[in-house]
Amino acid sequence: MFDRNSFTVEEWAEIIAAPTAVGALVVTADPSGPMGLIGEFRAIMTTMKEYVEANAAGSPLMAALLEHITTKPSEEEEAQLKQWASEQQETMNANQPKNSEELKQLVRDKTSKALTLLRDKGASEADIIAFKEMTYDIAEAVANASKEGGFLGFGGTLVSEAEQSMLTQIKSELGV
């Protein structure tokens, strides 16, 4: 059984960073204009919140995640999170992906690390499946968040070929 205290601040950050990174990867598949980017990034957090709310009753992990994202962090937790974010920024600055394949590998590594962490903490296979499904739902929501191509919202396509290709790859790799 999980609760908010089952993971450290840094572990929660790693868990949340994985589906967020997958969503951001879809954004990079076919970048939208400024308004589209806002909608795509908003889709990441909105979809995560909606998924955990809808699945909290059936998944101890989703219930704990819901508790975590809806509880205001203490000052100590905020300081720990800022330290983690600073370390992550330094690592990213030192190891910036040079091409799309390196970026994809970085996201794979982040997702693998989160899944390993969840398994090491005793997540059931049902919880792992729920986490993978949430991650894919986020990717799909990002792809559907704004039209690609067109002009001022006219024309274009909701999910571009590049985004569909990325979704297919993500779905295959997650096994959902």
C-alpha atoms as a PDB file:
ATOM      1  CA  MET A   1       0.000   0.000   0.000  1.00  0.00           C
ATOM      2  CA  PHE A   2       1.319   3.410  -0.943  1.00  0.00           C
ATOM      3  CA  ASP A   3       0.733   6.840   0.491  1.00  0.00           C
ATOM      4  CA  ARG A   4       2.308  10.261   0.076  1.00  0.00           C
ATOM      5  CA  ASN A   5       5.157   9.286   2.421  1.00  0.00           C
ATOM      6  CA  SER A   6       6.066   6.103   0.532  1.00  0.00           C
ATOM      7  CA  PHE A   7       8.501   8.104  -1.589  1.00  0.00           C
ATOM      8  CA  THR A   8      10.970  10.875  -0.871  1.00  0.00           C
ATOM      9  CA  VAL A   9      10.526  14.280  -2.473  1.00  0.00           C
ATOM     10  CA  GLU A  10      13.204  13.378  -5.012  1.00  0.00           C
ATOM     11  CA  GLU A  11      11.560  10.029  -5.775  1.00  0.00           C
ATOM     12  CA  TRP A  12       8.194  11.703  -6.352  1.00  0.00           C
ATOM     13  CA  ALA A  13       9.929  14.162  -8.655  1.00  0.00           C
ATOM     14  CA  GLU A  14      11.441  11.274 -10.640  1.00  0.00           C
ATOM     15  CA  ILE A  15       8.066   9.526 -10.842  1.00  0.00           C
ATOM     16  CA  ILE A  16       6.295  12.650 -12.098  1.00  0.00           C
ATOM     17  CA  ALA A  17       9.163  13.598 -14.426  1.00  0.00           C
ATOM     18  CA  ALA A  18       8.851  10.402 -16.498  1.00  0.00           C
ATOM     19  CA  PRO A  19       5.332  10.893 -17.929  1.00  0.00           C
ATOM     20  CA  THR A  20       6.019  14.619 -18.180  1.00  0.00           C
ATOM     21  CA  ALA A  21       9.136  13.915 -20.274  1.00  0.00           C
ATOM     22  CA  VAL A  22       7.167  11.554 -22.516  1.00  0.00           C
ATOM     23  CA  GLY A  23       4.597  14.309 -23.071  1.00  0.00           C
ATOM     24  CA  ALA A  24       7.360  16.806 -23.838  1.00  0.00           C
ATOM     25  CA  LEU A  25       8.829  14.327 -26.319  1.00  0.00           C
ATOM     26  CA  VAL A  26       5.543  14.391 -28.237  1.00  0.00           C
ATOM     27  CA  VAL A  27       5.714  18.203 -28.225  1.00  0.00           C
ATOM     28  CA  THR A  28       9.126  18.022 -29.907  1.00  0.00           C
ATOM     29  CA  ALA A  29       7.862  15.607 -32.593  1.00  0.00           C
ATOM     30  CA  ASP A  30       6.070  18.461 -34.355  1.00  0.00           C
ATOM     31  CA  PRO A  31       6.310  21.762 -32.457  1.00  0.00           C
ATOM     32  CA  SER A  32       3.262  24.021 -32.577  1.00  0.00           C
ATOM     33  CA  GLY A  33       3.124  27.782 -32.496  1.00  0.00           C
ATOM     34  CA  PRO A  34       3.180  29.613 -29.149  1.00  0.00           C
ATOM     35  CA  MET A  35      -0.509  29.076 -28.386  1.00  0.00           C
ATOM     36  CA  GLY A  36      -0.314  25.430 -29.415  1.00  0.00           C
ATOM     37  CA  LEU A  37       2.699  24.883 -27.162  1.00  0.00           C
ATOM     38  CA  ILE A  38       0.805  26.332 -24.208  1.00  0.00           C
ATOM     39  CA  GLY A  39      -2.076  23.932 -24.847  1.00  0.00           C
ATOM     40  CA  GLU A  40       0.259  20.975 -25.274  1.00  0.00           C
ATOM     41  CA  PHE A  41       2.133  21.630 -22.040  1.00  0.00           C
ATOM     42  CA  ARG A  42      -1.133  22.283 -20.199  1.00  0.00           C
ATOM     43  CA  ALA A  43      -2.362  18.900 -21.475  1.00  0.00           C
ATOM     44  CA  ILE A  44       0.490  17.169 -19.649  1.00  0.00           C
ATOM     45  CA  MET A  45      -0.519  18.281 -16.163  1.00  0.00           C
ATOM     46  CA  THR A  46      -4.267  18.301 -16.793  1.00  0.00           C
ATOM     47  CA  THR A  47      -4.219  14.740 -18.111  1.00  0.00           C
ATOM     48  CA  MET A  48      -2.048  13.512 -15.239  1.00  0.00           C
ATOM     49  CA  LYS A  49      -4.415  15.034 -12.674  1.00  0.00           C
ATOM     50  CA  GLU A  50      -7.528  13.724 -14.412  1.00  0.00           C
ATOM     51  CA  TYR A  51      -6.043  10.231 -14.771  1.00  0.00           C
ATOM     52  CA  VAL A  52      -5.028   9.912 -11.111  1.00  0.00           C
ATOM     53  CA  GLU A  53      -8.402  11.266  -9.960  1.00  0.00           C
ATOM     54  CA  ALA A  54     -10.242   8.745 -12.137  1.00  0.00           C
ATOM     55  CA  ASN A  55      -8.057   5.804 -11.069  1.00  0.00           C
ATOM     56  CA  ALA A  56      -7.228   6.544  -7.428  1.00  0.00           C
ATOM     57  CA  ALA A  57      -9.913   4.189  -6.106  1.00  0.00           C
ATOM     58  CA  GLY A  58      -8.533   1.193  -8.004  1.00  0.00           C
ATOM     59  CA  SER A  59      -4.794   1.812  -7.691  1.00  0.00           C
ATOM     60  CA  PRO A  60      -2.840   2.433  -4.484  1.00  0.00           C
ATOM     61  CA  LEU A  61      -0.115   4.104  -6.562  1.00  0.00           C
ATOM     62  CA  MET A  62      -2.574   6.461  -8.259  1.00  0.00           C
ATOM     63  CA  ALA A  63      -4.167   7.233  -4.873  1.00  0.00           C
ATOM     64  CA  ALA A  64      -0.738   8.113  -3.454  1.00  0.00           C
ATOM     65  CA  LEU A  65       0.108  10.177  -6.527  1.00  0.00           C
ATOM     66  CA  LEU A  66      -3.172  12.053  -6.191  1.00  0.00           C
ATOM     67  CA  GLU A  67      -2.421  12.721  -2.530  1.00  0.00           C
ATOM     68  CA  HIS A  68       1.056  13.926  -3.461  1.00  0.00           C
ATOM     69  CA  ILE A  69       0.004  16.322  -6.226  1.00  0.00           C
ATOM     70  CA  THR A  70      -2.916  17.788  -4.256  1.00  0.00           C
ATOM     71  CA  THR A  71      -1.069  18.331  -0.967  1.00  0.00           C
ATOM     72  CA  LYS A  72       0.861  21.555  -0.474  1.00  0.00           C
ATOM     73  CA  PRO A  73       4.510  20.696   0.172  1.00  0.00           C
ATOM     74  CA  SER A  74       6.160  21.750   3.412  1.00  0.00           C
ATOM     75  CA  GLU A  75       8.940  24.342   3.320  1.00  0.00           C
ATOM     76  CA  GLU A  76      11.474  21.521   3.755  1.00  0.00           C
ATOM     77  CA  GLU A  77       9.939  19.580   0.853  1.00  0.00           C
ATOM     78  CA  GLU A  78       9.998  22.693  -1.331  1.00  0.00           C
ATOM     79  CA  ALA A  79      13.682  23.215  -0.527  1.00  0.00           C
ATOM     80  CA  GLN A  80      14.436  19.558  -1.365  1.00  0.00           C
ATOM     81  CA  LEU A  81      12.521  19.846  -4.630  1.00  0.00           C
ATOM     82  CA  LYS A  82      14.376  23.032  -5.591  1.00  0.00           C
ATOM     83  CA  GLN A  83      17.684  21.281  -4.873  1.00  0.00           C
ATOM     84  CA  TRP A  84      16.636  18.293  -7.010  1.00  0.00           C
ATOM     85  CA  ALA A  85      15.520  20.597  -9.841  1.00  0.00           C
ATOM     86  CA  SER A  86      18.810  22.483  -9.685  1.00  0.00           C
ATOM     87  CA  GLU A  87      20.763  19.227  -9.903  1.00  0.00           C
ATOM     88  CA  GLN A  88      18.618  18.077 -12.822  1.00  0.00           C
ATOM     89  CA  GLN A  89      19.215  21.392 -14.606  1.00  0.00           C
ATOM     90  CA  GLU A  90      22.984  21.067 -14.133  1.00  0.00           C
ATOM     91  CA  THR A  91      22.886  17.512 -15.483  1.00  0.00           C
ATOM     92  CA  MET A  92      20.801  18.579 -18.490  1.00  0.00           C
ATOM     93  CA  ASN A  93      23.108  21.509 -19.225  1.00  0.00           C
ATOM     94  CA  ALA A  94      26.146  19.231 -19.117  1.00  0.00           C
ATOM     95  CA  ASN A  95      24.528  16.465 -21.183  1.00  0.00           C
ATOM     96  CA  GLN A  96      22.177  18.172 -23.622  1.00  0.00           C
ATOM     97  CA  PRO A  97      20.918  15.796 -26.283  1.00  0.00           C
ATOM     98  CA  LYS A  98      22.497  16.590 -29.627  1.00  0.00           C
ATOM     99  CA  ASN A  99      19.781  15.011 -31.773  1.00  0.00           C
ATOM    100  CA  SER A 100      16.326  13.472 -31.570  1.00  0.00           C
ATOM    101  CA  GLU A 101      17.662   9.960 -30.928  1.00  0.00           C
ATOM    102  CA  GLU A 102      19.634  11.150 -27.890  1.00  0.00           C
ATOM    103  CA  LEU A 103      16.525  12.947 -26.639  1.00  0.00           C
ATOM    104  CA  LYS A 104      14.429   9.801 -27.072  1.00  0.00           C
ATOM    105  CA  GLN A 105      17.054   7.781 -25.190  1.00  0.00           C
ATOM    106  CA  LEU A 106      17.083  10.337 -22.366  1.00  0.00           C
ATOM    107  CA  VAL A 107      13.294   9.987 -22.029  1.00  0.00           C
ATOM    108  CA  ARG A 108      13.547   6.166 -22.186  1.00  0.00           C
ATOM    109  CA  ASP A 109      16.138   6.253 -19.386  1.00  0.00           C
ATOM    110  CA  LYS A 110      13.970   8.575 -17.268  1.00  0.00           C
ATOM    111  CA  THR A 111      10.927   6.337 -17.766  1.00  0.00           C
ATOM    112  CA  SER A 112      12.906   3.177 -17.040  1.00  0.00           C
ATOM    113  CA  LYS A 113      14.293   4.751 -13.867  1.00  0.00           C
ATOM    114  CA  ALA A 114      10.774   5.636 -12.665  1.00  0.00           C
ATOM    115  CA  LEU A 115       9.460   2.138 -13.400  1.00  0.00           C
ATOM    116  CA  THR A 116      12.415   0.551 -11.600  1.00  0.00           C
ATOM    117  CA  LEU A 117      11.831   2.826  -8.615  1.00  0.00           C
ATOM    118  CA  LEU A 118       8.155   1.875  -8.500  1.00  0.00           C
ATOM    119  CA  ARG A 119       8.961  -1.840  -8.697  1.00  0.00           C
ATOM    120  CA  ASP A 120      11.677  -1.529  -6.035  1.00  0.00           C
ATOM    121  CA  LYS A 121       9.144   0.129  -3.715  1.00  0.00           C
ATOM    122  CA  GLY A 122       6.714  -2.762  -4.188  1.00  0.00           C
ATOM    123  CA  ALA A 123       4.353  -1.518  -6.877  1.00  0.00           C
ATOM    124  CA  SER A 124       2.031  -4.257  -8.094  1.00  0.00           C
ATOM    125  CA  GLU A 125       1.832  -5.132 -11.770  1.00  0.00           C
ATOM    126  CA  ALA A 126      -1.576  -3.412 -11.813  1.00  0.00           C
ATOM    127  CA  ASP A 127       0.041  -0.212 -10.511  1.00  0.00           C
ATOM    128  CA  ILE A 128       2.806  -0.459 -13.134  1.00  0.00           C
ATOM    129  CA  ILE A 129       0.191  -0.893 -15.860  1.00  0.00           C
ATOM    130  CA  ALA A 130      -1.755   2.111 -14.518  1.00  0.00           C
ATOM    131  CA  PHE A 131       1.435   4.204 -14.558  1.00  0.00           C
ATOM    132  CA  LYS A 132       2.211   3.165 -18.139  1.00  0.00           C
ATOM    133  CA  GLU A 133      -1.376   3.859 -19.234  1.00  0.00           C
ATOM    134  CA  MET A 134      -1.264   7.292 -17.588  1.00  0.00           C
ATOM    135  CA  THR A 135       2.000   8.008 -19.388  1.00  0.00           C
ATOM    136  CA  TYR A 136       0.520   7.026 -22.746  1.00  0.00           C
ATOM    137  CA  ASP A 137      -2.675   8.988 -22.061  1.00  0.00           C
ATOM    138  CA  ILE A 138      -0.518  12.068 -21.444  1.00  0.00           C
ATOM    139  CA  ALA A 139       1.331  11.522 -24.736  1.00  0.00           C
ATOM    140  CA  GLU A 140      -1.955  11.126 -26.588  1.00  0.00           C
ATOM    141  CA  ALA A 141      -3.472  14.225 -24.936  1.00  0.00           C
ATOM    142  CA  VAL A 142      -0.452  16.297 -25.975  1.00  0.00           C
ATOM    143  CA  ALA A 143      -0.754  15.106 -29.572  1.00  0.00           C
ATOM    144  CA  ASN A 144      -4.434  16.089 -29.570  1.00  0.00           C
ATOM    145  CA  ALA A 145      -3.965  19.420 -27.785  1.00  0.00           C
ATOM    146  CA  SER A 146      -3.454  21.571 -30.865  1.00  0.00           C
ATOM    147  CA  LYS A 147      -3.595  21.441 -34.630  1.00  0.00           C
ATOM    148  CA  GLU A 148      -0.380  21.180 -36.592  1.00  0.00           C
ATOM    149  CA  GLY A 149      -0.011  23.170 -39.783  1.00  0.00           C
ATOM    150  CA  GLY A 150      -2.682  25.511 -41.028  1.00  0.00           C
ATOM    151  CA  PHE A 151      -2.854  29.221 -40.312  1.00  0.00           C
ATOM    152  CA  LEU A 152      -4.414  30.942 -37.297  1.00  0.00           C
ATOM    153  CA  GLY A 153      -6.280  27.795 -36.351  1.00  0.00           C
ATOM    154  CA  PHE A 154      -7.685  27.185 -39.828  1.00  0.00           C
ATOM    155  CA  GLY A 155      -6.767  24.042 -41.684  1.00  0.00           C
ATOM    156  CA  GLY A 156      -4.059  21.807 -40.363  1.00  0.00           C
ATOM    157  CA  THR A 157      -4.419  18.436 -38.753  1.00  0.00           C
ATOM    158  CA  LEU A 158      -5.048  17.521 -35.135  1.00  0.00           C
ATOM    159  CA  VAL A 159      -2.380  14.810 -34.933  1.00  0.00           C
ATOM    160  CA  SER A 160       0.444  15.140 -37.423  1.00  0.00           C
ATOM    161  CA  GLU A 161       2.248  12.189 -38.985  1.00  0.00           C
ATOM    162  CA  ALA A 162       5.301  12.923 -36.818  1.00  0.00           C
ATOM    163  CA  GLU A 163       3.177  12.923 -33.651  1.00  0.00           C
ATOM    164  CA  GLN A 164       1.369   9.730 -34.694  1.00  0.00           C
ATOM    165  CA  SER A 165       4.718   8.069 -35.327  1.00  0.00           C
ATOM    166  CA  MET A 166       5.908   9.146 -31.876  1.00  0.00           C
ATOM    167  CA  LEU A 167       2.683   7.871 -30.264  1.00  0.00           C
ATOM    168  CA  THR A 168       3.094   4.519 -31.994  1.00  0.00           C
ATOM    169  CA  GLN A 169       6.668   4.251 -30.740  1.00  0.00           C
ATOM    170  CA  ILE A 170       5.722   5.245 -27.175  1.00  0.00           C
ATOM    171  CA  LYS A 171       2.826   2.778 -27.105  1.00  0.00           C
ATOM    172  CA  SER A 172       5.099  -0.019 -28.323  1.00  0.00           C
ATOM    173  CA  GLU A 173       7.860   0.756 -25.833  1.00  0.00           C
ATOM    174  CA  LEU A 174       5.469   1.038 -22.888  1.00  0.00           C
ATOM    175  CA  GLY A 175       3.645  -2.108 -23.930  1.00  0.00           C
ATOM    176  CA  VAL A 176       0.175  -0.619 -23.490  1.00  0.00           C
END
